[in-house]
Amino acid sequence: MTGTNVVMKGSAGRSVGAVVAGLVAVFALSLGTDQLFHALDVYPPWGEPMFEAGLLALATSYRLVFNVAGSWLTARLAPRNPMKHALILGGIGVVLSGLGAVGAAMMEPRLGPMWYPVLLVITALPCSWLGGWLFVRRRPA
């Protein structure tokens, strides 16, 4: 009985760690790339509006890739049920992106068009599914 409890606690800790690792990877990659583009004057300075569709498409493209990569990492680190872990990360992404969209809607003046934060909410789960699927399909049977 005691051995089973230890295994379950260890597995739960690894599950949480897998999801947190994916989340940290997505944040670090996204914010690091944002910072790089701000430093290179590709993006306007922090806090200034960005309405140019090309720049928003650039930001969207790497965020999609990073979300897939973070979900792949989560699936890779999951002790079992890798797809479930990737989708949990996606659910967290929906909630966090949703909070960001609400915050963006409440800001005056707007820092950009509303389609951008809404798109991040809409794509969170598909990106997580894709990251989990990419891991699961490459895993030896």
N, C-alpha and C. Protein backbone atom coordinates (compact mmCIF):
# COMPACT_ATOMS: atom_id res chain seq x y z
N MET A 1 0.83 -1.19 0.00
CA MET A 1 0.00 0.00 0.00
C MET A 1 0.87 1.25 0.00
N THR A 2 1.87 1.29 0.84
CA THR A 2 2.74 2.45 0.91
C THR A 2 3.51 2.62 -0.39
N GLY A 3 3.98 1.53 -0.97
CA GLY A 3 4.71 1.60 -2.23
C GLY A 3 3.85 2.15 -3.35
N THR A 4 2.58 1.78 -3.38
CA THR A 4 1.66 2.28 -4.40
C THR A 4 1.46 3.77 -4.26
N ASN A 5 1.29 4.25 -3.02
CA ASN A 5 1.13 5.69 -2.80
C ASN A 5 2.34 6.47 -3.26
N VAL A 6 3.52 5.92 -3.02
CA VAL A 6 4.75 6.59 -3.43
C VAL A 6 4.80 6.67 -4.95
N VAL A 7 4.46 5.57 -5.63
CA VAL A 7 4.47 5.57 -7.09
C VAL A 7 3.47 6.58 -7.62
N MET A 8 2.27 6.63 -7.04
CA MET A 8 1.26 7.56 -7.52
C MET A 8 1.69 9.00 -7.31
N LYS A 9 2.28 9.28 -6.16
CA LYS A 9 2.75 10.65 -5.90
C LYS A 9 3.87 11.02 -6.87
N GLY A 10 4.79 10.09 -7.13
CA GLY A 10 5.88 10.34 -8.06
C GLY A 10 5.36 10.56 -9.46
N SER A 11 4.38 9.77 -9.86
CA SER A 11 3.79 9.91 -11.19
C SER A 11 3.04 11.23 -11.32
N ALA A 12 2.31 11.61 -10.28
CA ALA A 12 1.59 12.90 -10.30
C ALA A 12 2.59 14.05 -10.39
N GLY A 13 3.68 13.94 -9.67
CA GLY A 13 4.70 14.99 -9.73
C GLY A 13 5.32 15.08 -11.11
N ARG A 14 5.55 13.94 -11.74
CA ARG A 14 6.10 13.96 -13.10
C ARG A 14 5.08 14.51 -14.09
N SER A 15 3.81 14.22 -13.84
CA SER A 15 2.75 14.76 -14.71
C SER A 15 2.71 16.28 -14.62
N VAL A 16 2.71 16.79 -13.41
CA VAL A 16 2.71 18.25 -13.22
C VAL A 16 3.98 18.85 -13.82
N GLY A 17 5.10 18.20 -13.58
CA GLY A 17 6.37 18.68 -14.12
C GLY A 17 6.38 18.72 -15.64
N ALA A 18 5.77 17.72 -16.28
CA ALA A 18 5.70 17.69 -17.74
C ALA A 18 4.90 18.86 -18.28
N VAL A 19 3.77 19.14 -17.65
CA VAL A 19 2.93 20.25 -18.10
C VAL A 19 3.63 21.59 -17.83
N VAL A 20 4.23 21.73 -16.66
CA VAL A 20 4.94 22.97 -16.33
C VAL A 20 6.12 23.18 -17.29
N ALA A 21 6.84 22.11 -17.61
CA ALA A 21 7.97 22.23 -18.53
C ALA A 21 7.50 22.74 -19.89
N GLY A 22 6.40 22.20 -20.39
CA GLY A 22 5.86 22.67 -21.66
C GLY A 22 5.44 24.12 -21.61
N LEU A 23 4.78 24.49 -20.51
CA LEU A 23 4.33 25.87 -20.34
C LEU A 23 5.51 26.84 -20.28
N VAL A 24 6.52 26.48 -19.52
CA VAL A 24 7.71 27.33 -19.40
C VAL A 24 8.41 27.44 -20.76
N ALA A 25 8.48 26.34 -21.49
CA ALA A 25 9.12 26.37 -22.81
C ALA A 25 8.39 27.33 -23.75
N VAL A 26 7.05 27.24 -23.76
CA VAL A 26 6.26 28.12 -24.63
C VAL A 26 6.47 29.58 -24.25
N PHE A 27 6.40 29.89 -22.95
CA PHE A 27 6.59 31.27 -22.49
C PHE A 27 8.00 31.76 -22.81
N ALA A 28 9.00 30.97 -22.51
CA ALA A 28 10.39 31.39 -22.72
C ALA A 28 10.68 31.62 -24.20
N LEU A 29 10.25 30.69 -25.03
CA LEU A 29 10.49 30.84 -26.47
C LEU A 29 9.73 32.04 -27.04
N SER A 30 8.46 32.19 -26.65
CA SER A 30 7.64 33.28 -27.19
C SER A 30 8.17 34.64 -26.74
N LEU A 31 8.38 34.79 -25.44
CA LEU A 31 8.84 36.08 -24.92
C LEU A 31 10.27 36.38 -25.34
N GLY A 32 11.10 35.35 -25.43
CA GLY A 32 12.47 35.54 -25.90
C GLY A 32 12.51 36.02 -27.35
N THR A 33 11.67 35.42 -28.18
CA THR A 33 11.61 35.84 -29.58
C THR A 33 11.02 37.24 -29.69
N ASP A 34 9.97 37.53 -28.91
CA ASP A 34 9.42 38.89 -28.87
C ASP A 34 10.52 39.89 -28.53
N GLN A 35 11.26 39.60 -27.48
CA GLN A 35 12.32 40.52 -27.04
C GLN A 35 13.37 40.71 -28.12
N LEU A 36 13.74 39.63 -28.79
CA LEU A 36 14.71 39.73 -29.88
C LEU A 36 14.20 40.66 -30.97
N PHE A 37 12.94 40.49 -31.37
CA PHE A 37 12.38 41.33 -32.43
C PHE A 37 12.21 42.79 -31.99
N HIS A 38 11.95 43.00 -30.72
CA HIS A 38 11.92 44.38 -30.21
C HIS A 38 13.32 44.98 -30.24
N ALA A 39 14.31 44.22 -29.81
CA ALA A 39 15.69 44.71 -29.76
C ALA A 39 16.23 45.00 -31.16
N LEU A 40 15.79 44.22 -32.15
CA LEU A 40 16.23 44.42 -33.54
C LEU A 40 15.40 45.46 -34.27
N ASP A 41 14.48 46.11 -33.57
CA ASP A 41 13.57 47.11 -34.14
C ASP A 41 12.67 46.56 -35.25
N VAL A 42 12.43 45.25 -35.20
CA VAL A 42 11.43 44.65 -36.10
C VAL A 42 10.05 45.03 -35.57
N TYR A 43 9.89 44.93 -34.26
CA TYR A 43 8.65 45.32 -33.58
C TYR A 43 8.83 46.71 -32.98
N PRO A 44 7.73 47.43 -32.80
CA PRO A 44 7.83 48.72 -32.09
C PRO A 44 8.23 48.47 -30.63
N PRO A 45 8.67 49.50 -29.93
CA PRO A 45 9.04 49.33 -28.51
C PRO A 45 7.88 48.75 -27.70
N TRP A 46 8.22 48.06 -26.62
CA TRP A 46 7.21 47.49 -25.72
C TRP A 46 6.23 48.59 -25.31
N GLY A 47 4.95 48.24 -25.29
CA GLY A 47 3.93 49.17 -24.84
C GLY A 47 3.36 50.06 -25.94
N GLU A 48 4.00 50.05 -27.12
CA GLU A 48 3.47 50.83 -28.23
C GLU A 48 2.59 49.93 -29.11
N PRO A 49 1.56 50.50 -29.72
CA PRO A 49 0.65 49.69 -30.55
C PRO A 49 1.34 49.02 -31.73
N MET A 50 0.82 47.84 -32.10
CA MET A 50 1.32 47.12 -33.27
C MET A 50 0.10 46.64 -34.05
N PHE A 51 -0.21 47.35 -35.11
CA PHE A 51 -1.37 47.03 -35.93
C PHE A 51 -0.99 46.46 -37.29
N GLU A 52 0.29 46.45 -37.62
CA GLU A 52 0.71 45.98 -38.94
C GLU A 52 0.47 44.47 -39.07
N ALA A 53 -0.33 44.11 -40.07
CA ALA A 53 -0.74 42.71 -40.24
C ALA A 53 0.45 41.78 -40.44
N GLY A 54 1.47 42.22 -41.15
CA GLY A 54 2.64 41.38 -41.38
C GLY A 54 3.37 41.03 -40.10
N LEU A 55 3.51 42.02 -39.22
CA LEU A 55 4.18 41.76 -37.94
C LEU A 55 3.35 40.84 -37.05
N LEU A 56 2.04 41.04 -37.07
CA LEU A 56 1.16 40.17 -36.28
C LEU A 56 1.14 38.75 -36.84
N ALA A 57 1.24 38.62 -38.15
CA ALA A 57 1.33 37.29 -38.77
C ALA A 57 2.64 36.61 -38.36
N LEU A 58 3.73 37.39 -38.31
CA LEU A 58 5.01 36.85 -37.86
C LEU A 58 4.91 36.34 -36.43
N ALA A 59 4.35 37.16 -35.55
CA ALA A 59 4.19 36.76 -34.14
C ALA A 59 3.30 35.53 -34.02
N THR A 60 2.23 35.50 -34.79
CA THR A 60 1.33 34.35 -34.76
C THR A 60 2.05 33.09 -35.21
N SER A 61 2.84 33.20 -36.27
CA SER A 61 3.49 32.01 -36.83
C SER A 61 4.45 31.37 -35.82
N TYR A 62 5.27 32.16 -35.17
CA TYR A 62 6.20 31.51 -34.25
C TYR A 62 5.51 31.07 -32.97
N ARG A 63 4.45 31.73 -32.57
CA ARG A 63 3.70 31.26 -31.40
C ARG A 63 3.04 29.92 -31.68
N LEU A 64 2.52 29.74 -32.88
CA LEU A 64 1.93 28.44 -33.22
C LEU A 64 2.98 27.34 -33.15
N VAL A 65 4.14 27.60 -33.73
CA VAL A 65 5.23 26.62 -33.71
C VAL A 65 5.67 26.34 -32.28
N PHE A 66 5.82 27.38 -31.46
CA PHE A 66 6.26 27.19 -30.08
C PHE A 66 5.20 26.45 -29.26
N ASN A 67 3.93 26.70 -29.52
CA ASN A 67 2.86 25.98 -28.81
C ASN A 67 2.89 24.49 -29.16
N VAL A 68 3.11 24.17 -30.42
CA VAL A 68 3.23 22.77 -30.82
C VAL A 68 4.45 22.15 -30.15
N ALA A 69 5.57 22.86 -30.16
CA ALA A 69 6.81 22.34 -29.56
C ALA A 69 6.65 22.13 -28.05
N GLY A 70 6.03 23.07 -27.36
CA GLY A 70 5.81 22.92 -25.92
C GLY A 70 4.91 21.74 -25.61
N SER A 71 3.92 21.52 -26.45
CA SER A 71 3.02 20.37 -26.24
C SER A 71 3.73 19.06 -26.54
N TRP A 72 4.60 19.08 -27.55
CA TRP A 72 5.41 17.89 -27.83
C TRP A 72 6.29 17.57 -26.62
N LEU A 73 6.92 18.61 -26.05
CA LEU A 73 7.77 18.41 -24.88
C LEU A 73 6.96 17.85 -23.71
N THR A 74 5.79 18.40 -23.49
CA THR A 74 4.92 17.90 -22.42
C THR A 74 4.60 16.43 -22.64
N ALA A 75 4.22 16.07 -23.86
CA ALA A 75 3.91 14.67 -24.17
C ALA A 75 5.14 13.80 -23.97
N ARG A 76 6.29 14.28 -24.36
CA ARG A 76 7.55 13.52 -24.22
C ARG A 76 7.89 13.26 -22.76
N LEU A 77 7.62 14.23 -21.90
CA LEU A 77 7.98 14.10 -20.49
C LEU A 77 6.89 13.42 -19.65
N ALA A 78 5.71 13.25 -20.22
CA ALA A 78 4.60 12.67 -19.46
C ALA A 78 4.92 11.23 -19.07
N PRO A 79 4.62 10.85 -17.82
CA PRO A 79 4.91 9.48 -17.39
C PRO A 79 3.99 8.45 -18.07
N ARG A 80 2.80 8.89 -18.51
CA ARG A 80 1.85 8.04 -19.23
C ARG A 80 0.83 8.98 -19.87
N ASN A 81 0.03 8.47 -20.79
CA ASN A 81 -1.01 9.26 -21.46
C ASN A 81 -0.47 10.59 -22.01
N PRO A 82 0.50 10.52 -22.93
CA PRO A 82 1.11 11.76 -23.42
C PRO A 82 0.11 12.72 -24.07
N MET A 83 -0.86 12.18 -24.81
CA MET A 83 -1.82 13.08 -25.47
C MET A 83 -2.66 13.82 -24.43
N LYS A 84 -3.04 13.13 -23.36
CA LYS A 84 -3.82 13.77 -22.30
C LYS A 84 -3.03 14.94 -21.69
N HIS A 85 -1.76 14.73 -21.46
CA HIS A 85 -0.93 15.79 -20.88
C HIS A 85 -0.81 16.97 -21.84
N ALA A 86 -0.62 16.68 -23.13
CA ALA A 86 -0.52 17.75 -24.12
C ALA A 86 -1.82 18.56 -24.15
N LEU A 87 -2.96 17.88 -24.08
CA LEU A 87 -4.24 18.58 -24.12
C LEU A 87 -4.51 19.35 -22.83
N ILE A 88 -4.00 18.87 -21.71
CA ILE A 88 -4.10 19.65 -20.47
C ILE A 88 -3.34 20.97 -20.64
N LEU A 89 -2.15 20.88 -21.23
CA LEU A 89 -1.40 22.10 -21.51
C LEU A 89 -2.21 23.01 -22.43
N GLY A 90 -2.87 22.43 -23.43
CA GLY A 90 -3.71 23.22 -24.32
C GLY A 90 -4.84 23.90 -23.58
N GLY A 91 -5.46 23.19 -22.63
CA GLY A 91 -6.53 23.80 -21.83
C GLY A 91 -6.01 24.98 -21.01
N ILE A 92 -4.83 24.82 -20.45
CA ILE A 92 -4.21 25.93 -19.72
C ILE A 92 -3.94 27.08 -20.68
N GLY A 93 -3.50 26.76 -21.89
CA GLY A 93 -3.26 27.79 -22.90
C GLY A 93 -4.53 28.54 -23.26
N VAL A 94 -5.66 27.82 -23.36
CA VAL A 94 -6.94 28.47 -23.66
C VAL A 94 -7.28 29.46 -22.55
N VAL A 95 -7.14 29.02 -21.30
CA VAL A 95 -7.48 29.89 -20.17
C VAL A 95 -6.57 31.12 -20.14
N LEU A 96 -5.26 30.91 -20.24
CA LEU A 96 -4.32 32.04 -20.18
C LEU A 96 -4.49 32.98 -21.37
N SER A 97 -4.68 32.41 -22.56
CA SER A 97 -4.90 33.25 -23.74
C SER A 97 -6.23 33.98 -23.63
N GLY A 98 -7.23 33.33 -23.07
CA GLY A 98 -8.53 33.97 -22.87
C GLY A 98 -8.42 35.15 -21.93
N LEU A 99 -7.66 34.97 -20.85
CA LEU A 99 -7.44 36.10 -19.93
C LEU A 99 -6.70 37.23 -20.63
N GLY A 100 -5.75 36.88 -21.48
CA GLY A 100 -5.03 37.89 -22.25
C GLY A 100 -5.95 38.63 -23.22
N ALA A 101 -6.87 37.89 -23.84
CA ALA A 101 -7.81 38.51 -24.77
C ALA A 101 -8.76 39.46 -24.04
N VAL A 102 -9.21 39.05 -22.86
CA VAL A 102 -10.09 39.92 -22.07
C VAL A 102 -9.32 41.18 -21.67
N GLY A 103 -8.09 41.01 -21.23
CA GLY A 103 -7.26 42.17 -20.87
C GLY A 103 -7.04 43.09 -22.06
N ALA A 104 -6.79 42.51 -23.22
CA ALA A 104 -6.58 43.32 -24.43
C ALA A 104 -7.85 44.09 -24.79
N ALA A 105 -9.00 43.46 -24.62
CA ALA A 105 -10.28 44.12 -24.94
C ALA A 105 -10.55 45.28 -24.00
N MET A 106 -10.04 45.20 -22.79
CA MET A 106 -10.30 46.25 -21.80
C MET A 106 -9.31 47.40 -21.89
N MET A 107 -8.21 47.21 -22.64
CA MET A 107 -7.18 48.26 -22.71
C MET A 107 -7.61 49.41 -23.60
N GLU A 108 -7.32 50.58 -23.16
CA GLU A 108 -7.50 51.79 -23.96
C GLU A 108 -6.26 52.64 -23.78
N PRO A 109 -5.58 53.02 -24.79
CA PRO A 109 -5.85 52.65 -26.18
C PRO A 109 -5.43 51.22 -26.45
N ARG A 110 -5.97 50.64 -27.50
CA ARG A 110 -5.64 49.28 -27.89
C ARG A 110 -4.20 49.19 -28.38
N LEU A 111 -3.55 48.08 -28.05
CA LEU A 111 -2.17 47.87 -28.50
C LEU A 111 -2.12 47.14 -29.84
N GLY A 112 -3.28 46.69 -30.31
CA GLY A 112 -3.34 45.97 -31.57
C GLY A 112 -4.76 45.52 -31.84
N PRO A 113 -4.98 44.88 -32.98
CA PRO A 113 -6.32 44.42 -33.32
C PRO A 113 -6.74 43.23 -32.44
N MET A 114 -8.04 43.10 -32.20
CA MET A 114 -8.54 42.02 -31.33
C MET A 114 -8.42 40.64 -31.96
N TRP A 115 -8.28 40.55 -33.27
CA TRP A 115 -8.20 39.23 -33.88
C TRP A 115 -6.97 38.48 -33.38
N TYR A 116 -5.92 39.20 -33.05
CA TYR A 116 -4.68 38.54 -32.63
C TYR A 116 -4.84 37.76 -31.32
N PRO A 117 -5.28 38.38 -30.22
CA PRO A 117 -5.44 37.58 -29.00
C PRO A 117 -6.54 36.53 -29.11
N VAL A 118 -7.58 36.81 -29.89
CA VAL A 118 -8.64 35.82 -30.08
C VAL A 118 -8.09 34.61 -30.84
N LEU A 119 -7.24 34.86 -31.84
CA LEU A 119 -6.63 33.76 -32.59
C LEU A 119 -5.78 32.88 -31.68
N LEU A 120 -5.09 33.47 -30.72
CA LEU A 120 -4.29 32.68 -29.78
C LEU A 120 -5.17 31.76 -28.95
N VAL A 121 -6.35 32.22 -28.57
CA VAL A 121 -7.29 31.37 -27.82
C VAL A 121 -7.75 30.22 -28.70
N ILE A 122 -8.14 30.53 -29.92
CA ILE A 122 -8.71 29.53 -30.83
C ILE A 122 -7.69 28.46 -31.21
N THR A 123 -6.42 28.82 -31.31
CA THR A 123 -5.41 27.87 -31.77
C THR A 123 -4.73 27.08 -30.65
N ALA A 124 -5.00 27.41 -29.40
CA ALA A 124 -4.30 26.74 -28.29
C ALA A 124 -4.53 25.23 -28.30
N LEU A 125 -5.76 24.79 -28.35
CA LEU A 125 -6.03 23.34 -28.33
C LEU A 125 -5.57 22.62 -29.59
N PRO A 126 -5.81 23.15 -30.80
CA PRO A 126 -5.29 22.44 -31.97
C PRO A 126 -3.76 22.31 -31.96
N CYS A 127 -3.06 23.34 -31.51
CA CYS A 127 -1.60 23.25 -31.42
C CYS A 127 -1.17 22.18 -30.42
N SER A 128 -1.87 22.12 -29.30
CA SER A 128 -1.55 21.12 -28.28
C SER A 128 -1.82 19.71 -28.80
N TRP A 129 -2.94 19.56 -29.49
CA TRP A 129 -3.25 18.25 -30.07
C TRP A 129 -2.15 17.85 -31.05
N LEU A 130 -1.74 18.79 -31.92
CA LEU A 130 -0.71 18.48 -32.91
C LEU A 130 0.61 18.11 -32.25
N GLY A 131 1.01 18.84 -31.21
CA GLY A 131 2.24 18.51 -30.50
C GLY A 131 2.18 17.13 -29.88
N GLY A 132 1.04 16.79 -29.24
CA GLY A 132 0.87 15.46 -28.68
C GLY A 132 0.88 14.39 -29.75
N TRP A 133 0.19 14.65 -30.86
CA TRP A 133 0.12 13.69 -31.96
C TRP A 133 1.50 13.45 -32.56
N LEU A 134 2.28 14.52 -32.75
CA LEU A 134 3.63 14.36 -33.31
C LEU A 134 4.49 13.48 -32.43
N PHE A 135 4.33 13.60 -31.11
CA PHE A 135 5.09 12.73 -30.21
C PHE A 135 4.58 11.30 -30.28
N VAL A 136 3.29 11.11 -30.18
CA VAL A 136 2.71 9.76 -30.13
C VAL A 136 2.98 8.99 -31.41
N ARG A 137 2.89 9.63 -32.55
CA ARG A 137 3.06 8.91 -33.81
C ARG A 137 4.50 8.49 -34.05
N ARG A 138 5.46 9.15 -33.44
CA ARG A 138 6.87 8.81 -33.63
C ARG A 138 7.39 7.84 -32.58
N ARG A 139 6.57 7.57 -31.58
CA ARG A 139 6.97 6.68 -30.49
C ARG A 139 6.94 5.24 -30.96
N PRO A 140 7.95 4.45 -30.61
CA PRO A 140 7.92 3.03 -30.99
C PRO A 140 6.74 2.32 -30.33
N ALA A 141 6.12 1.42 -31.05
CA ALA A 141 4.95 0.70 -30.53
C ALA A 141 5.31 -0.35 -29.52
